Amino acid sequence: MEKMKLEDWVKSILSNDEFMSDEELVEYFIEEGPMSREEAEKWVSKREFYLNNIVMDDGSVYKPKL
């Protein structure tokens, strides 16, 4: 996978997958990424952020105007 495409793929999974455990995600990223265990663990450590926010392509967090 190309670097940018890999990052988009990881962010998409972190934003949407509520069912795999953190360890399962690490293993998935290592096998399918592919990436090192260190890289996979770094991404998984950001999981809560991506699950709880709408992150735009530029990395900013979407905040609706009320």
Protein backbone atom coordinates (compact mmCIF):
# COMPACT_ATOMS: atom_id res chain seq x y z
CA MET A 1 0.00 0.00 0.00
CA GLU A 2 1.15 3.47 -0.83
CA LYS A 3 1.95 5.62 2.27
CA MET A 4 -0.97 8.05 1.93
CA LYS A 5 -3.42 5.33 1.04
CA LEU A 6 -2.22 3.26 4.01
CA GLU A 7 -2.85 6.20 6.35
CA ASP A 8 -6.35 6.75 4.95
CA TRP A 9 -7.09 3.02 5.31
CA VAL A 10 -5.94 2.99 8.94
CA LYS A 11 -7.91 6.12 9.84
CA SER A 12 -11.04 4.66 8.27
CA ILE A 13 -10.74 1.49 10.33
CA LEU A 14 -10.00 3.38 13.53
CA SER A 15 -13.02 5.62 12.91
CA ASN A 16 -15.46 2.80 12.29
CA ASP A 17 -14.45 -0.47 13.93
CA GLU A 18 -15.97 -0.81 17.38
CA PHE A 19 -15.82 -4.59 17.60
CA MET A 20 -12.21 -5.77 17.31
CA SER A 21 -10.09 -5.59 20.44
CA ASP A 22 -7.01 -3.38 20.38
CA GLU A 23 -4.77 -6.45 20.09
CA GLU A 24 -6.84 -7.79 17.19
CA LEU A 25 -6.46 -4.43 15.43
CA VAL A 26 -2.71 -4.45 15.98
CA GLU A 27 -2.47 -7.92 14.45
CA TYR A 28 -4.75 -6.90 11.57
CA PHE A 29 -2.64 -3.84 10.77
CA ILE A 30 0.54 -5.93 10.85
CA GLU A 31 -0.90 -8.59 8.53
CA GLU A 32 -2.88 -6.42 6.13
CA GLY A 33 -1.01 -3.08 6.28
CA PRO A 34 1.64 -4.25 6.33
CA MET A 35 3.30 -2.35 9.14
CA SER A 36 5.57 -3.06 12.08
CA ARG A 37 4.16 -3.89 15.51
CA GLU A 38 5.43 -0.51 16.73
CA GLU A 39 3.59 1.36 13.97
CA ALA A 40 0.41 -0.66 14.51
CA GLU A 41 0.45 -0.04 18.27
CA LYS A 42 1.02 3.68 17.69
CA TRP A 43 -2.05 3.86 15.44
CA VAL A 44 -4.21 1.80 17.79
CA SER A 45 -3.29 4.12 20.66
CA LYS A 46 -5.18 6.84 18.71
CA ARG A 47 -8.30 4.70 18.31
CA GLU A 48 -10.48 6.50 20.87
CA PHE A 49 -9.78 9.85 19.20
CA TYR A 50 -10.88 8.56 15.78
CA LEU A 51 -13.97 6.81 17.19
CA ASN A 52 -15.11 9.93 19.03
CA ASN A 53 -14.39 12.62 16.42
CA ILE A 54 -15.07 13.30 12.78
CA VAL A 55 -11.58 13.85 11.42
CA MET A 56 -11.28 15.73 8.13
CA ASP A 57 -8.74 14.87 5.41
CA ASP A 58 -6.49 17.71 6.56
CA GLY A 59 -6.41 16.29 10.11
CA SER A 60 -8.72 18.87 11.63
CA VAL A 61 -11.71 17.82 13.74
CA TYR A 62 -15.15 18.70 12.38
CA LYS A 63 -17.12 20.86 14.78
CA PRO A 64 -20.66 21.66 13.68
CA LYS A 65 -21.89 25.20 14.15
CA LEU A 66 -24.90 25.19 16.41
